[in-house]
Structure formats: structure tokens, C-alpha cells
Amino acid sequence: MDIEKAKDSLITYLKRDKKGLRRALLSILLDGEFTIPEIREKLNEMGFSITLQGTSALVGFAYSRLYPIQTLPQRQILLLH
């Protein structure tokens, strides 16, 4: 996958974020590695009311949409910022 396709994937993922939940999740994931319960707790602290099952689904969906970005070489990932 090239850098433009990865960018498009990220932009599309975030365009559908009506409540800011996806952006909040990305913010948490960029801070480090967390378990699903820890992510849920952080989202709840940020004002989102989400269940453990909902958190798991959100993380799974994000991973499926953003996985192609992980396949890019490190130098290309830096260009996404």
C-alpha cells in the first residue's frame, strides 16, 4: 500500500466520526499499549459512555480499517502526520 492510499484510509475512517469517539481512540492508542478494559476506562473518563463489548468492537473495527498503515515502512508512516 502506498502513502496516498493509507492517507485516504485514515481520512475516510475519521470522516465518519460524528461524536469524536474514533479520534479519542486513536489518541489513546498513540499514547501506548492498553488492554480493552483500560481503553474503555480512558474513553469513559473522556466522557464517552461505552460498554466493554462496544470498546472491543470499536478497537477491532479501527484495526481492520487502519491495518494497512502498519504495513508501510516507518519513514512513510511519519509522512502521515
C-alpha atoms as a PDB file:
ATOM      1  CA  MET A   1       0.000   0.000   0.000  1.00  0.00           C
ATOM      2  CA  ASP A   2       1.337   3.401  -0.857  1.00  0.00           C
ATOM      3  CA  ILE A   3       1.230   6.521   1.299  1.00  0.00           C
ATOM      4  CA  GLU A   4      -1.723   8.087  -0.541  1.00  0.00           C
ATOM      5  CA  LYS A   5      -3.947   5.041  -0.060  1.00  0.00           C
ATOM      6  CA  ALA A   6      -3.010   4.931   3.632  1.00  0.00           C
ATOM      7  CA  LYS A   7      -3.845   8.623   3.986  1.00  0.00           C
ATOM      8  CA  ASP A   8      -7.181   8.104   2.248  1.00  0.00           C
ATOM      9  CA  SER A   9      -7.973   5.200   4.547  1.00  0.00           C
ATOM     10  CA  LEU A  10      -7.261   7.295   7.633  1.00  0.00           C
ATOM     11  CA  ILE A  11      -9.228  10.282   6.339  1.00  0.00           C
ATOM     12  CA  THR A  12     -12.228   8.096   5.466  1.00  0.00           C
ATOM     13  CA  TYR A  13     -12.100   6.465   8.889  1.00  0.00           C
ATOM     14  CA  LEU A  14     -12.101   9.847  10.637  1.00  0.00           C
ATOM     15  CA  LYS A  15     -14.739  11.466   8.383  1.00  0.00           C
ATOM     16  CA  ARG A  16     -17.328   9.067   9.762  1.00  0.00           C
ATOM     17  CA  ASP A  17     -16.506  10.077  13.323  1.00  0.00           C
ATOM     18  CA  LYS A  18     -19.586  12.067  14.352  1.00  0.00           C
ATOM     19  CA  LYS A  19     -19.045  12.053  18.135  1.00  0.00           C
ATOM     20  CA  GLY A  20     -15.259  12.163  18.313  1.00  0.00           C
ATOM     21  CA  LEU A  21     -15.023   8.587  19.573  1.00  0.00           C
ATOM     22  CA  ARG A  22     -12.675   7.400  16.834  1.00  0.00           C
ATOM     23  CA  ARG A  23     -10.358  10.352  17.342  1.00  0.00           C
ATOM     24  CA  ALA A  24     -10.352   9.683  21.076  1.00  0.00           C
ATOM     25  CA  LEU A  25      -9.488   6.034  20.442  1.00  0.00           C
ATOM     26  CA  LEU A  26      -6.619   6.984  18.132  1.00  0.00           C
ATOM     27  CA  SER A  27      -5.352   9.415  20.736  1.00  0.00           C
ATOM     28  CA  ILE A  28      -5.330   6.643  23.348  1.00  0.00           C
ATOM     29  CA  LEU A  29      -3.651   4.154  21.023  1.00  0.00           C
ATOM     30  CA  LEU A  30      -0.921   6.656  20.176  1.00  0.00           C
ATOM     31  CA  ASP A  31      -0.149   7.025  23.879  1.00  0.00           C
ATOM     32  CA  GLY A  32       0.864   3.382  24.261  1.00  0.00           C
ATOM     33  CA  GLU A  33      -0.376  -0.170  24.564  1.00  0.00           C
ATOM     34  CA  PHE A  34      -3.524  -0.745  26.593  1.00  0.00           C
ATOM     35  CA  THR A  35      -5.938  -3.576  27.233  1.00  0.00           C
ATOM     36  CA  ILE A  36      -9.583  -3.298  26.142  1.00  0.00           C
ATOM     37  CA  PRO A  37     -10.733  -2.598  29.741  1.00  0.00           C
ATOM     38  CA  GLU A  38      -8.098   0.134  30.068  1.00  0.00           C
ATOM     39  CA  ILE A  39      -9.193   1.701  26.780  1.00  0.00           C
ATOM     40  CA  ARG A  40     -12.824   1.590  27.925  1.00  0.00           C
ATOM     41  CA  GLU A  41     -11.891   3.284  31.194  1.00  0.00           C
ATOM     42  CA  LYS A  42      -9.985   6.020  29.374  1.00  0.00           C
ATOM     43  CA  LEU A  43     -12.890   6.587  26.962  1.00  0.00           C
ATOM     44  CA  ASN A  44     -15.315   6.789  29.886  1.00  0.00           C
ATOM     45  CA  GLU A  45     -13.015   9.328  31.577  1.00  0.00           C
ATOM     46  CA  MET A  46     -13.157  11.357  28.350  1.00  0.00           C
ATOM     47  CA  GLY A  47     -16.954  11.468  28.596  1.00  0.00           C
ATOM     48  CA  PHE A  48     -17.895   8.594  26.293  1.00  0.00           C
ATOM     49  CA  SER A  49     -20.364   6.057  27.630  1.00  0.00           C
ATOM     50  CA  ILE A  50     -19.296   2.763  26.090  1.00  0.00           C
ATOM     51  CA  THR A  51     -19.521  -0.847  27.173  1.00  0.00           C
ATOM     52  CA  LEU A  52     -16.666  -3.313  27.235  1.00  0.00           C
ATOM     53  CA  GLN A  53     -18.188  -5.124  24.250  1.00  0.00           C
ATOM     54  CA  GLY A  54     -18.585  -1.812  22.397  1.00  0.00           C
ATOM     55  CA  THR A  55     -14.973  -0.932  23.119  1.00  0.00           C
ATOM     56  CA  SER A  56     -13.827  -4.280  21.801  1.00  0.00           C
ATOM     57  CA  ALA A  57     -15.855  -3.789  18.611  1.00  0.00           C
ATOM     58  CA  LEU A  58     -14.516  -0.245  18.180  1.00  0.00           C
ATOM     59  CA  VAL A  59     -10.910  -1.388  18.535  1.00  0.00           C
ATOM     60  CA  GLY A  60     -11.470  -4.312  16.159  1.00  0.00           C
ATOM     61  CA  PHE A  61     -13.045  -2.063  13.548  1.00  0.00           C
ATOM     62  CA  ALA A  62     -10.271   0.513  13.869  1.00  0.00           C
ATOM     63  CA  TYR A  63      -7.645  -2.184  13.488  1.00  0.00           C
ATOM     64  CA  SER A  64      -9.315  -3.583  10.372  1.00  0.00           C
ATOM     65  CA  ARG A  65      -9.509  -0.133   8.769  1.00  0.00           C
ATOM     66  CA  LEU A  66      -6.082   1.100   9.793  1.00  0.00           C
ATOM     67  CA  TYR A  67      -4.076  -2.107   9.463  1.00  0.00           C
ATOM     68  CA  PRO A  68      -2.753  -1.114   6.019  1.00  0.00           C
ATOM     69  CA  ILE A  69      -0.975   1.829   7.641  1.00  0.00           C
ATOM     70  CA  GLN A  70       1.020  -0.610   9.766  1.00  0.00           C
ATOM     71  CA  THR A  71       2.339  -2.266   6.610  1.00  0.00           C
ATOM     72  CA  LEU A  72       4.025   0.937   5.459  1.00  0.00           C
ATOM     73  CA  PRO A  73       7.734   1.423   6.098  1.00  0.00           C
ATOM     74  CA  GLN A  74       8.410   3.590   9.175  1.00  0.00           C
ATOM     75  CA  ARG A  75       9.615   6.537   7.109  1.00  0.00           C
ATOM     76  CA  GLN A  76       6.299   6.642   5.212  1.00  0.00           C
ATOM     77  CA  ILE A  77       4.234   6.454   8.405  1.00  0.00           C
ATOM     78  CA  LEU A  78       5.952   9.635   9.580  1.00  0.00           C
ATOM     79  CA  LEU A  79       4.660  11.387   6.456  1.00  0.00           C
ATOM     80  CA  LEU A  80       1.065  10.804   7.603  1.00  0.00           C
ATOM     81  CA  HIS A  81       1.493  13.243  10.481  1.00  0.00           C
END
